[in-house]
Amino acid sequence: MTPQEKTILEERIVDVLKTVYDPEIPVNIFDLGMIYKVDVQDDHTVEMDMTFTAPNCPAADFILEDVRSKVESLEGIKACNVNLVFEPAWDQSMMSEEARVELGFD
């Protein structure tokens, strides 16, 4: 895979991640800062680290499956492994400017 192909896939992954929402928060998980790592491998698999705004998120299973299935539905992606991590702990500083405005933090 060329660096350009990898960049294009990463951009498409970010676009699809922006369609995933926690049912309790009206901002997508990417802008919330819940995605810590997206690593497209040369074999067209994706390694992803993500977290939740709270460790006991009641929608965790739903959100994880939504992320995995949407990323795997992209042309050129063979599989997506989503690792749930809690280090570093999520906090409001990880949100994009758009998310902070949408949620009234700015």
PDB file of N, CA and C in Angstrom:
ATOM      1  N   MET A   1       0.846  -1.171   0.000  1.00  0.00           N
ATOM      2  CA  MET A   1       0.000   0.000   0.000  1.00  0.00           C
ATOM      3  C   MET A   1       0.896   1.241   0.000  1.00  0.00           C
ATOM      4  N   THR A   2       0.586   2.153  -0.880  1.00  0.00           N
ATOM      5  CA  THR A   2       1.383   3.381  -0.955  1.00  0.00           C
ATOM      6  C   THR A   2       0.966   4.329   0.175  1.00  0.00           C
ATOM      7  N   PRO A   3       1.827   5.274   0.529  1.00  0.00           N
ATOM      8  CA  PRO A   3       1.453   6.261   1.548  1.00  0.00           C
ATOM      9  C   PRO A   3       0.187   7.042   1.168  1.00  0.00           C
ATOM     10  N   GLN A   4       0.027   7.327  -0.117  1.00  0.00           N
ATOM     11  CA  GLN A   4      -1.168   8.046  -0.558  1.00  0.00           C
ATOM     12  C   GLN A   4      -2.434   7.204  -0.354  1.00  0.00           C
ATOM     13  N   GLU A   5      -2.358   5.914  -0.681  1.00  0.00           N
ATOM     14  CA  GLU A   5      -3.511   5.027  -0.480  1.00  0.00           C
ATOM     15  C   GLU A   5      -3.856   4.937   1.005  1.00  0.00           C
ATOM     16  N   LYS A   6      -2.829   4.863   1.840  1.00  0.00           N
ATOM     17  CA  LYS A   6      -3.048   4.786   3.284  1.00  0.00           C
ATOM     18  C   LYS A   6      -3.725   6.062   3.793  1.00  0.00           C
ATOM     19  N   THR A   7      -3.277   7.207   3.318  1.00  0.00           N
ATOM     20  CA  THR A   7      -3.871   8.488   3.726  1.00  0.00           C
ATOM     21  C   THR A   7      -5.334   8.562   3.313  1.00  0.00           C
ATOM     22  N   ILE A   8      -5.633   8.110   2.099  1.00  0.00           N
ATOM     23  CA  ILE A   8      -7.017   8.123   1.615  1.00  0.00           C
ATOM     24  C   ILE A   8      -7.890   7.228   2.481  1.00  0.00           C
ATOM     25  N   LEU A   9      -7.404   6.033   2.815  1.00  0.00           N
ATOM     26  CA  LEU A   9      -8.174   5.131   3.679  1.00  0.00           C
ATOM     27  C   LEU A   9      -8.382   5.741   5.059  1.00  0.00           C
ATOM     28  N   GLU A  10      -7.346   6.352   5.616  1.00  0.00           N
ATOM     29  CA  GLU A  10      -7.473   6.979   6.933  1.00  0.00           C
ATOM     30  C   GLU A  10      -8.518   8.091   6.911  1.00  0.00           C
ATOM     31  N   GLU A  11      -8.538   8.883   5.848  1.00  0.00           N
ATOM     32  CA  GLU A  11      -9.538   9.945   5.727  1.00  0.00           C
ATOM     33  C   GLU A  11     -10.948   9.369   5.637  1.00  0.00           C
ATOM     34  N   ARG A  12     -11.108   8.281   4.895  1.00  0.00           N
ATOM     35  CA  ARG A  12     -12.417   7.639   4.787  1.00  0.00           C
ATOM     36  C   ARG A  12     -12.853   7.048   6.127  1.00  0.00           C
ATOM     37  N   ILE A  13     -11.893   6.519   6.893  1.00  0.00           N
ATOM     38  CA  ILE A  13     -12.207   5.979   8.220  1.00  0.00           C
ATOM     39  C   ILE A  13     -12.690   7.099   9.136  1.00  0.00           C
ATOM     40  N   VAL A  14     -11.997   8.229   9.123  1.00  0.00           N
ATOM     41  CA  VAL A  14     -12.419   9.367   9.947  1.00  0.00           C
ATOM     42  C   VAL A  14     -13.830   9.802   9.546  1.00  0.00           C
ATOM     43  N   ASP A  15     -14.103   9.863   8.248  1.00  0.00           N
ATOM     44  CA  ASP A  15     -15.436  10.252   7.781  1.00  0.00           C
ATOM     45  C   ASP A  15     -16.510   9.316   8.338  1.00  0.00           C
ATOM     46  N   VAL A  16     -16.245   8.013   8.322  1.00  0.00           N
ATOM     47  CA  VAL A  16     -17.252   7.062   8.802  1.00  0.00           C
ATOM     48  C   VAL A  16     -17.346   7.114  10.334  1.00  0.00           C
ATOM     49  N   LEU A  17     -16.236   7.386  11.021  1.00  0.00           N
ATOM     50  CA  LEU A  17     -16.291   7.503  12.482  1.00  0.00           C
ATOM     51  C   LEU A  17     -17.138   8.699  12.907  1.00  0.00           C
ATOM     52  N   LYS A  18     -17.206   9.692  12.054  1.00  0.00           N
ATOM     53  CA  LYS A  18     -18.016  10.868  12.360  1.00  0.00           C
ATOM     54  C   LYS A  18     -19.516  10.594  12.212  1.00  0.00           C
ATOM     55  N   THR A  19     -19.880   9.353  11.831  1.00  0.00           N
ATOM     56  CA  THR A  19     -21.291   8.965  11.764  1.00  0.00           C
ATOM     57  C   THR A  19     -21.686   8.108  12.965  1.00  0.00           C
ATOM     58  N   VAL A  20     -20.753   7.880  13.887  1.00  0.00           N
ATOM     59  CA  VAL A  20     -21.015   7.049  15.069  1.00  0.00           C
ATOM     60  C   VAL A  20     -21.258   7.965  16.265  1.00  0.00           C
ATOM     61  N   TYR A  21     -22.364   7.736  16.958  1.00  0.00           N
ATOM     62  CA  TYR A  21     -22.748   8.560  18.095  1.00  0.00           C
ATOM     63  C   TYR A  21     -23.012   7.707  19.319  1.00  0.00           C
ATOM     64  N   ASP A  22     -22.671   8.247  20.467  1.00  0.00           N
ATOM     65  CA  ASP A  22     -23.152   7.708  21.733  1.00  0.00           C
ATOM     66  C   ASP A  22     -24.604   8.162  21.808  1.00  0.00           C
ATOM     67  N   PRO A  23     -25.557   7.258  22.047  1.00  0.00           N
ATOM     68  CA  PRO A  23     -26.964   7.655  22.056  1.00  0.00           C
ATOM     69  C   PRO A  23     -27.297   8.759  23.065  1.00  0.00           C
ATOM     70  N   GLU A  24     -26.451   8.953  24.060  1.00  0.00           N
ATOM     71  CA  GLU A  24     -26.729   9.950  25.095  1.00  0.00           C
ATOM     72  C   GLU A  24     -26.087  11.310  24.809  1.00  0.00           C
ATOM     73  N   ILE A  25     -25.235  11.399  23.771  1.00  0.00           N
ATOM     74  CA  ILE A  25     -24.498  12.635  23.490  1.00  0.00           C
ATOM     75  C   ILE A  25     -24.696  13.003  22.016  1.00  0.00           C
ATOM     76  N   PRO A  26     -25.121  14.235  21.722  1.00  0.00           N
ATOM     77  CA  PRO A  26     -25.423  14.604  20.330  1.00  0.00           C
ATOM     78  C   PRO A  26     -24.203  15.024  19.501  1.00  0.00           C
ATOM     79  N   VAL A  27     -23.034  14.445  19.794  1.00  0.00           N
ATOM     80  CA  VAL A  27     -21.807  14.746  19.050  1.00  0.00           C
ATOM     81  C   VAL A  27     -21.154  13.403  18.704  1.00  0.00           C
ATOM     82  N   ASN A  28     -20.581  13.305  17.503  1.00  0.00           N
ATOM     83  CA  ASN A  28     -19.979  12.037  17.085  1.00  0.00           C
ATOM     84  C   ASN A  28     -18.746  11.698  17.922  1.00  0.00           C
ATOM     85  N   ILE A  29     -18.405  10.408  17.958  1.00  0.00           N
ATOM     86  CA  ILE A  29     -17.315   9.942  18.825  1.00  0.00           C
ATOM     87  C   ILE A  29     -15.953  10.466  18.407  1.00  0.00           C
ATOM     88  N   PHE A  30     -15.768  10.779  17.128  1.00  0.00           N
ATOM     89  CA  PHE A  30     -14.481  11.306  16.686  1.00  0.00           C
ATOM     90  C   PHE A  30     -14.271  12.716  17.242  1.00  0.00           C
ATOM     91  N   ASP A  31     -15.271  13.568  17.089  1.00  0.00           N
ATOM     92  CA  ASP A  31     -15.154  14.933  17.603  1.00  0.00           C
ATOM     93  C   ASP A  31     -15.159  14.975  19.130  1.00  0.00           C
ATOM     94  N   LEU A  32     -15.729  13.963  19.764  1.00  0.00           N
ATOM     95  CA  LEU A  32     -15.667  13.888  21.229  1.00  0.00           C
ATOM     96  C   LEU A  32     -14.254  13.543  21.714  1.00  0.00           C
ATOM     97  N   GLY A  33     -13.410  13.061  20.800  1.00  0.00           N
ATOM     98  CA  GLY A  33     -12.046  12.700  21.183  1.00  0.00           C
ATOM     99  C   GLY A  33     -11.933  11.289  21.733  1.00  0.00           C
ATOM    100  N   MET A  34     -12.903  10.454  21.417  1.00  0.00           N
ATOM    101  CA  MET A  34     -12.898   9.083  21.934  1.00  0.00           C
ATOM    102  C   MET A  34     -12.011   8.146  21.121  1.00  0.00           C
ATOM    103  N   ILE A  35     -11.568   8.578  19.948  1.00  0.00           N
ATOM    104  CA  ILE A  35     -10.684   7.760  19.116  1.00  0.00           C
ATOM    105  C   ILE A  35      -9.250   8.201  19.387  1.00  0.00           C
ATOM    106  N   TYR A  36      -8.444   7.305  19.928  1.00  0.00           N
ATOM    107  CA  TYR A  36      -7.057   7.624  20.266  1.00  0.00           C
ATOM    108  C   TYR A  36      -6.084   7.255  19.154  1.00  0.00           C
ATOM    109  N   LYS A  37      -6.396   6.196  18.392  1.00  0.00           N
ATOM    110  CA  LYS A  37      -5.453   5.746  17.357  1.00  0.00           C
ATOM    111  C   LYS A  37      -6.214   5.072  16.234  1.00  0.00           C
ATOM    112  N   VAL A  38      -5.816   5.383  15.006  1.00  0.00           N
ATOM    113  CA  VAL A  38      -6.285   4.662  13.813  1.00  0.00           C
ATOM    114  C   VAL A  38      -5.032   4.322  13.029  1.00  0.00           C
ATOM    115  N   ASP A  39      -4.750   3.033  12.911  1.00  0.00           N
ATOM    116  CA  ASP A  39      -3.536   2.591  12.236  1.00  0.00           C
ATOM    117  C   ASP A  39      -3.904   1.603  11.135  1.00  0.00           C
ATOM    118  N   VAL A  40      -3.809   2.059   9.890  1.00  0.00           N
ATOM    119  CA  VAL A  40      -4.092   1.200   8.737  1.00  0.00           C
ATOM    120  C   VAL A  40      -2.825   0.409   8.420  1.00  0.00           C
ATOM    121  N   GLN A  41      -2.937  -0.908   8.435  1.00  0.00           N
ATOM    122  CA  GLN A  41      -1.816  -1.794   8.168  1.00  0.00           C
ATOM    123  C   GLN A  41      -1.686  -2.056   6.661  1.00  0.00           C
ATOM    124  N   ASP A  42      -0.510  -2.486   6.250  1.00  0.00           N
ATOM    125  CA  ASP A  42      -0.275  -2.773   4.831  1.00  0.00           C
ATOM    126  C   ASP A  42      -1.172  -3.893   4.302  1.00  0.00           C
ATOM    127  N   ASP A  43      -1.653  -4.768   5.202  1.00  0.00           N
ATOM    128  CA  ASP A  43      -2.536  -5.859   4.767  1.00  0.00           C
ATOM    129  C   ASP A  43      -4.008  -5.444   4.735  1.00  0.00           C
ATOM    130  N   HIS A  44      -4.265  -4.120   4.836  1.00  0.00           N
ATOM    131  CA  HIS A  44      -5.613  -3.548   4.761  1.00  0.00           C
ATOM    132  C   HIS A  44      -6.475  -3.858   5.981  1.00  0.00           C
ATOM    133  N   THR A  45      -5.834  -4.141   7.110  1.00  0.00           N
ATOM    134  CA  THR A  45      -6.553  -4.240   8.368  1.00  0.00           C
ATOM    135  C   THR A  45      -6.325  -2.945   9.142  1.00  0.00           C
ATOM    136  N   VAL A  46      -7.180  -2.703  10.110  1.00  0.00           N
ATOM    137  CA  VAL A  46      -7.104  -1.480  10.902  1.00  0.00           C
ATOM    138  C   VAL A  46      -6.997  -1.849  12.373  1.00  0.00           C
ATOM    139  N   GLU A  47      -6.043  -1.228  13.038  1.00  0.00           N
ATOM    140  CA  GLU A  47      -5.918  -1.321  14.493  1.00  0.00           C
ATOM    141  C   GLU A  47      -6.367   0.022  15.047  1.00  0.00           C
ATOM    142  N   MET A  48      -7.325  -0.011  15.946  1.00  0.00           N
ATOM    143  CA  MET A  48      -7.883   1.227  16.468  1.00  0.00           C
ATOM    144  C   MET A  48      -7.947   1.165  17.988  1.00  0.00           C
ATOM    145  N   ASP A  49      -7.556   2.258  18.646  1.00  0.00           N
ATOM    146  CA  ASP A  49      -7.730   2.403  20.086  1.00  0.00           C
ATOM    147  C   ASP A  49      -8.798   3.451  20.304  1.00  0.00           C
ATOM    148  N   MET A  50      -9.746   3.130  21.171  1.00  0.00           N
ATOM    149  CA  MET A  50     -10.778   4.099  21.517  1.00  0.00           C
ATOM    150  C   MET A  50     -11.143   3.963  22.982  1.00  0.00           C
ATOM    151  N   THR A  51     -11.808   4.971  23.479  1.00  0.00           N
ATOM    152  CA  THR A  51     -12.238   4.977  24.867  1.00  0.00           C
ATOM    153  C   THR A  51     -13.678   5.436  24.933  1.00  0.00           C
ATOM    154  N   PHE A  52     -14.177   5.570  26.130  1.00  0.00           N
ATOM    155  CA  PHE A  52     -15.511   6.109  26.358  1.00  0.00           C
ATOM    156  C   PHE A  52     -15.403   7.277  27.318  1.00  0.00           C
ATOM    157  N   THR A  53     -16.416   8.120  27.314  1.00  0.00           N
ATOM    158  CA  THR A  53     -16.404   9.272  28.211  1.00  0.00           C
ATOM    159  C   THR A  53     -16.525   8.823  29.662  1.00  0.00           C
ATOM    160  N   ALA A  54     -17.063   7.624  29.869  1.00  0.00           N
ATOM    161  CA  ALA A  54     -17.158   7.036  31.205  1.00  0.00           C
ATOM    162  C   ALA A  54     -16.925   5.536  31.082  1.00  0.00           C
ATOM    163  N   PRO A  55     -16.135   4.936  31.980  1.00  0.00           N
ATOM    164  CA  PRO A  55     -15.831   3.506  31.879  1.00  0.00           C
ATOM    165  C   PRO A  55     -17.054   2.592  31.909  1.00  0.00           C
ATOM    166  N   ASN A  56     -18.126   3.031  32.535  1.00  0.00           N
ATOM    167  CA  ASN A  56     -19.320   2.188  32.642  1.00  0.00           C
ATOM    168  C   ASN A  56     -20.406   2.592  31.649  1.00  0.00           C
ATOM    169  N   CYS A  57     -20.011   3.033  30.484  1.00  0.00           N
ATOM    170  CA  CYS A  57     -20.947   3.474  29.447  1.00  0.00           C
ATOM    171  C   CYS A  57     -21.954   2.360  29.134  1.00  0.00           C
ATOM    172  N   PRO A  58     -23.250   2.632  29.302  1.00  0.00           N
ATOM    173  CA  PRO A  58     -24.249   1.590  29.047  1.00  0.00           C
ATOM    174  C   PRO A  58     -24.371   1.203  27.571  1.00  0.00           C
ATOM    175  N   ALA A  59     -23.905   2.062  26.668  1.00  0.00           N
ATOM    176  CA  ALA A  59     -24.004   1.773  25.231  1.00  0.00           C
ATOM    177  C   ALA A  59     -22.689   1.255  24.653  1.00  0.00           C
ATOM    178  N   ALA A  60     -21.764   0.852  25.494  1.00  0.00           N
ATOM    179  CA  ALA A  60     -20.422   0.462  25.041  1.00  0.00           C
ATOM    180  C   ALA A  60     -20.450  -0.610  23.956  1.00  0.00           C
ATOM    181  N   ASP A  61     -21.176  -1.697  24.184  1.00  0.00           N
ATOM    182  CA  ASP A  61     -21.195  -2.783  23.200  1.00  0.00           C
ATOM    183  C   ASP A  61     -21.761  -2.307  21.864  1.00  0.00           C
ATOM    184  N   PHE A  62     -22.830  -1.533  21.909  1.00  0.00           N
ATOM    185  CA  PHE A  62     -23.445  -1.010  20.694  1.00  0.00           C
ATOM    186  C   PHE A  62     -22.469  -0.119  19.926  1.00  0.00           C
ATOM    187  N   ILE A  63     -21.794   0.780  20.636  1.00  0.00           N
ATOM    188  CA  ILE A  63     -20.875   1.716  19.986  1.00  0.00           C
ATOM    189  C   ILE A  63     -19.681   0.976  19.388  1.00  0.00           C
ATOM    190  N   LEU A  64     -19.099   0.051  20.136  1.00  0.00           N
ATOM    191  CA  LEU A  64     -17.955  -0.717  19.625  1.00  0.00           C
ATOM    192  C   LEU A  64     -18.324  -1.467  18.356  1.00  0.00           C
ATOM    193  N   GLU A  65     -19.475  -2.110  18.347  1.00  0.00           N
ATOM    194  CA  GLU A  65     -19.905  -2.863  17.169  1.00  0.00           C
ATOM    195  C   GLU A  65     -20.190  -1.927  16.005  1.00  0.00           C
ATOM    196  N   ASP A  66     -20.764  -0.763  16.274  1.00  0.00           N
ATOM    197  CA  ASP A  66     -21.042   0.214  15.226  1.00  0.00           C
ATOM    198  C   ASP A  66     -19.738   0.680  14.579  1.00  0.00           C
ATOM    199  N   VAL A  67     -18.730   0.968  15.401  1.00  0.00           N
ATOM    200  CA  VAL A  67     -17.417   1.385  14.886  1.00  0.00           C
ATOM    201  C   VAL A  67     -16.827   0.289  14.012  1.00  0.00           C
ATOM    202  N   ARG A  68     -16.753  -0.916  14.549  1.00  0.00           N
ATOM    203  CA  ARG A  68     -16.137  -2.028  13.822  1.00  0.00           C
ATOM    204  C   ARG A  68     -16.860  -2.287  12.496  1.00  0.00           C
ATOM    205  N   SER A  69     -18.164  -2.378  12.530  1.00  0.00           N
ATOM    206  CA  SER A  69     -18.904  -2.724  11.312  1.00  0.00           C
ATOM    207  C   SER A  69     -18.824  -1.608  10.269  1.00  0.00           C
ATOM    208  N   LYS A  70     -18.866  -0.363  10.691  1.00  0.00           N
ATOM    209  CA  LYS A  70     -18.786   0.736   9.719  1.00  0.00           C
ATOM    210  C   LYS A  70     -17.406   0.827   9.085  1.00  0.00           C
ATOM    211  N   VAL A  71     -16.358   0.638   9.876  1.00  0.00           N
ATOM    212  CA  VAL A  71     -15.003   0.673   9.311  1.00  0.00           C
ATOM    213  C   VAL A  71     -14.807  -0.512   8.367  1.00  0.00           C
ATOM    214  N   GLU A  72     -15.256  -1.694   8.772  1.00  0.00           N
ATOM    215  CA  GLU A  72     -15.097  -2.876   7.922  1.00  0.00           C
ATOM    216  C   GLU A  72     -15.938  -2.802   6.656  1.00  0.00           C
ATOM    217  N   SER A  73     -16.958  -1.957   6.621  1.00  0.00           N
ATOM    218  CA  SER A  73     -17.790  -1.838   5.423  1.00  0.00           C
ATOM    219  C   SER A  73     -17.114  -0.992   4.343  1.00  0.00           C
ATOM    220  N   LEU A  74     -16.034  -0.298   4.695  1.00  0.00           N
ATOM    221  CA  LEU A  74     -15.340   0.533   3.720  1.00  0.00           C
ATOM    222  C   LEU A  74     -14.585  -0.322   2.706  1.00  0.00           C
ATOM    223  N   GLU A  75     -14.672   0.066   1.446  1.00  0.00           N
ATOM    224  CA  GLU A  75     -13.923  -0.626   0.407  1.00  0.00           C
ATOM    225  C   GLU A  75     -12.431  -0.475   0.696  1.00  0.00           C
ATOM    226  N   GLY A  76     -11.712  -1.592   0.622  1.00  0.00           N
ATOM    227  CA  GLY A  76     -10.274  -1.576   0.859  1.00  0.00           C
ATOM    228  C   GLY A  76      -9.881  -1.954   2.278  1.00  0.00           C
ATOM    229  N   ILE A  77     -10.880  -2.164   3.158  1.00  0.00           N
ATOM    230  CA  ILE A  77     -10.597  -2.576   4.533  1.00  0.00           C
ATOM    231  C   ILE A  77     -11.038  -4.027   4.689  1.00  0.00           C
ATOM    232  N   LYS A  78     -10.101  -4.858   5.152  1.00  0.00           N
ATOM    233  CA  LYS A  78     -10.411  -6.280   5.347  1.00  0.00           C
ATOM    234  C   LYS A  78     -10.975  -6.566   6.734  1.00  0.00           C
ATOM    235  N   ALA A  79     -10.435  -5.905   7.755  1.00  0.00           N
ATOM    236  CA  ALA A  79     -10.882  -6.154   9.128  1.00  0.00           C
ATOM    237  C   ALA A  79     -10.495  -4.961   9.988  1.00  0.00           C
ATOM    238  N   CYS A  80     -11.225  -4.818  11.101  1.00  0.00           N
ATOM    239  CA  CYS A  80     -10.937  -3.734  12.038  1.00  0.00           C
ATOM    240  C   CYS A  80     -10.941  -4.309  13.453  1.00  0.00           C
ATOM    241  N   ASN A  81      -9.846  -4.126  14.152  1.00  0.00           N
ATOM    242  CA  ASN A  81      -9.744  -4.544  15.541  1.00  0.00           C
ATOM    243  C   ASN A  81      -9.835  -3.292  16.412  1.00  0.00           C
ATOM    244  N   VAL A  82     -10.886  -3.191  17.210  1.00  0.00           N
ATOM    245  CA  VAL A  82     -11.094  -2.029  18.062  1.00  0.00           C
ATOM    246  C   VAL A  82     -10.689  -2.401  19.486  1.00  0.00           C
ATOM    247  N   ASN A  83      -9.644  -1.744  19.958  1.00  0.00           N
ATOM    248  CA  ASN A  83      -9.163  -1.962  21.323  1.00  0.00           C
ATOM    249  C   ASN A  83      -9.753  -0.905  22.237  1.00  0.00           C
ATOM    250  N   LEU A  84     -10.425  -1.338  23.280  1.00  0.00           N
ATOM    251  CA  LEU A  84     -10.990  -0.420  24.257  1.00  0.00           C
ATOM    252  C   LEU A  84      -9.924  -0.121  25.302  1.00  0.00           C
ATOM    253  N   VAL A  85      -9.580   1.157  25.447  1.00  0.00           N
ATOM    254  CA  VAL A  85      -8.534   1.563  26.378  1.00  0.00           C
ATOM    255  C   VAL A  85      -9.062   2.670  27.289  1.00  0.00           C
ATOM    256  N   PHE A  86      -8.476   2.777  28.463  1.00  0.00           N
ATOM    257  CA  PHE A  86      -8.868   3.834  29.399  1.00  0.00           C
ATOM    258  C   PHE A  86      -7.669   4.649  29.874  1.00  0.00           C
ATOM    259  N   GLU A  87      -6.550   4.491  29.195  1.00  0.00           N
ATOM    260  CA  GLU A  87      -5.356   5.290  29.476  1.00  0.00           C
ATOM    261  C   GLU A  87      -4.913   5.939  28.178  1.00  0.00           C
ATOM    262  N   PRO A  88      -4.819   7.234  28.101  1.00  0.00           N
ATOM    263  CA  PRO A  88      -5.170   8.152  29.171  1.00  0.00           C
ATOM    264  C   PRO A  88      -6.677   8.246  29.330  1.00  0.00           C
ATOM    265  N   ALA A  89      -7.100   8.608  30.509  1.00  0.00           N
ATOM    266  CA  ALA A  89      -8.532   8.764  30.769  1.00  0.00           C
ATOM    267  C   ALA A  89      -9.076   9.908  29.921  1.00  0.00           C
ATOM    268  N   TRP A  90     -10.268   9.713  29.363  1.00  0.00           N
ATOM    269  CA  TRP A  90     -10.886  10.759  28.551  1.00  0.00           C
ATOM    270  C   TRP A  90     -11.247  11.942  29.428  1.00  0.00           C
ATOM    271  N   ASP A  91     -11.071  13.152  28.881  1.00  0.00           N
ATOM    272  CA  ASP A  91     -11.595  14.347  29.540  1.00  0.00           C
ATOM    273  C   ASP A  91     -12.022  15.353  28.469  1.00  0.00           C
ATOM    274  N   GLN A  92     -12.680  16.399  28.887  1.00  0.00           N
ATOM    275  CA  GLN A  92     -13.276  17.349  27.950  1.00  0.00           C
ATOM    276  C   GLN A  92     -12.259  18.042  27.049  1.00  0.00           C
ATOM    277  N   SER A  93     -11.008  18.095  27.454  1.00  0.00           N
ATOM    278  CA  SER A  93      -9.986  18.748  26.627  1.00  0.00           C
ATOM    279  C   SER A  93      -9.717  17.983  25.331  1.00  0.00           C
ATOM    280  N   MET A  94     -10.169  16.737  25.245  1.00  0.00           N
ATOM    281  CA  MET A  94      -9.946  15.911  24.058  1.00  0.00           C
ATOM    282  C   MET A  94     -10.963  16.190  22.952  1.00  0.00           C
ATOM    283  N   MET A  95     -12.004  16.943  23.268  1.00  0.00           N
ATOM    284  CA  MET A  95     -13.043  17.239  22.282  1.00  0.00           C
ATOM    285  C   MET A  95     -12.543  18.273  21.274  1.00  0.00           C
ATOM    286  N   SER A  96     -13.054  18.172  20.064  1.00  0.00           N
ATOM    287  CA  SER A  96     -12.757  19.181  19.047  1.00  0.00           C
ATOM    288  C   SER A  96     -13.451  20.485  19.433  1.00  0.00           C
ATOM    289  N   GLU A  97     -13.024  21.570  18.806  1.00  0.00           N
ATOM    290  CA  GLU A  97     -13.668  22.864  19.044  1.00  0.00           C
ATOM    291  C   GLU A  97     -15.151  22.783  18.691  1.00  0.00           C
ATOM    292  N   GLU A  98     -15.474  22.098  17.586  1.00  0.00           N
ATOM    293  CA  GLU A  98     -16.874  21.943  17.176  1.00  0.00           C
ATOM    294  C   GLU A  98     -17.698  21.255  18.256  1.00  0.00           C
ATOM    295  N   ALA A  99     -17.132  20.201  18.858  1.00  0.00           N
ATOM    296  CA  ALA A  99     -17.854  19.458  19.900  1.00  0.00           C
ATOM    297  C   ALA A  99     -18.082  20.339  21.126  1.00  0.00           C
ATOM    298  N   ARG A 100     -17.055  21.103  21.522  1.00  0.00           N
ATOM    299  CA  ARG A 100     -17.201  21.969  22.687  1.00  0.00           C
ATOM    300  C   ARG A 100     -18.294  23.019  22.460  1.00  0.00           C
ATOM    301  N   VAL A 101     -18.329  23.589  21.261  1.00  0.00           N
ATOM    302  CA  VAL A 101     -19.366  24.570  20.944  1.00  0.00           C
ATOM    303  C   VAL A 101     -20.739  23.909  20.955  1.00  0.00           C
ATOM    304  N   GLU A 102     -20.852  22.759  20.304  1.00  0.00           N
ATOM    305  CA  GLU A 102     -22.138  22.038  20.221  1.00  0.00           C
ATOM    306  C   GLU A 102     -22.684  21.707  21.601  1.00  0.00           C
ATOM    307  N   LEU A 103     -21.799  21.353  22.518  1.00  0.00           N
ATOM    308  CA  LEU A 103     -22.225  20.951  23.868  1.00  0.00           C
ATOM    309  C   LEU A 103     -22.247  22.126  24.851  1.00  0.00           C
ATOM    310  N   GLY A 104     -21.914  23.316  24.361  1.00  0.00           N
ATOM    311  CA  GLY A 104     -22.001  24.507  25.189  1.00  0.00           C
ATOM    312  C   GLY A 104     -20.852  24.705  26.158  1.00  0.00           C
ATOM    313  N   PHE A 105     -19.690  24.116  25.860  1.00  0.00           N
ATOM    314  CA  PHE A 105     -18.532  24.274  26.734  1.00  0.00           C
ATOM    315  C   PHE A 105     -17.706  25.510  26.396  1.00  0.00           C
ATOM    316  N   ASP A 106     -17.928  26.115  25.243  1.00  0.00           N
ATOM    317  CA  ASP A 106     -17.198  27.327  24.851  1.00  0.00           C
ATOM    318  C   ASP A 106     -18.154  28.471  24.629  1.00  0.00           C
TER     319      ASP A 106
END
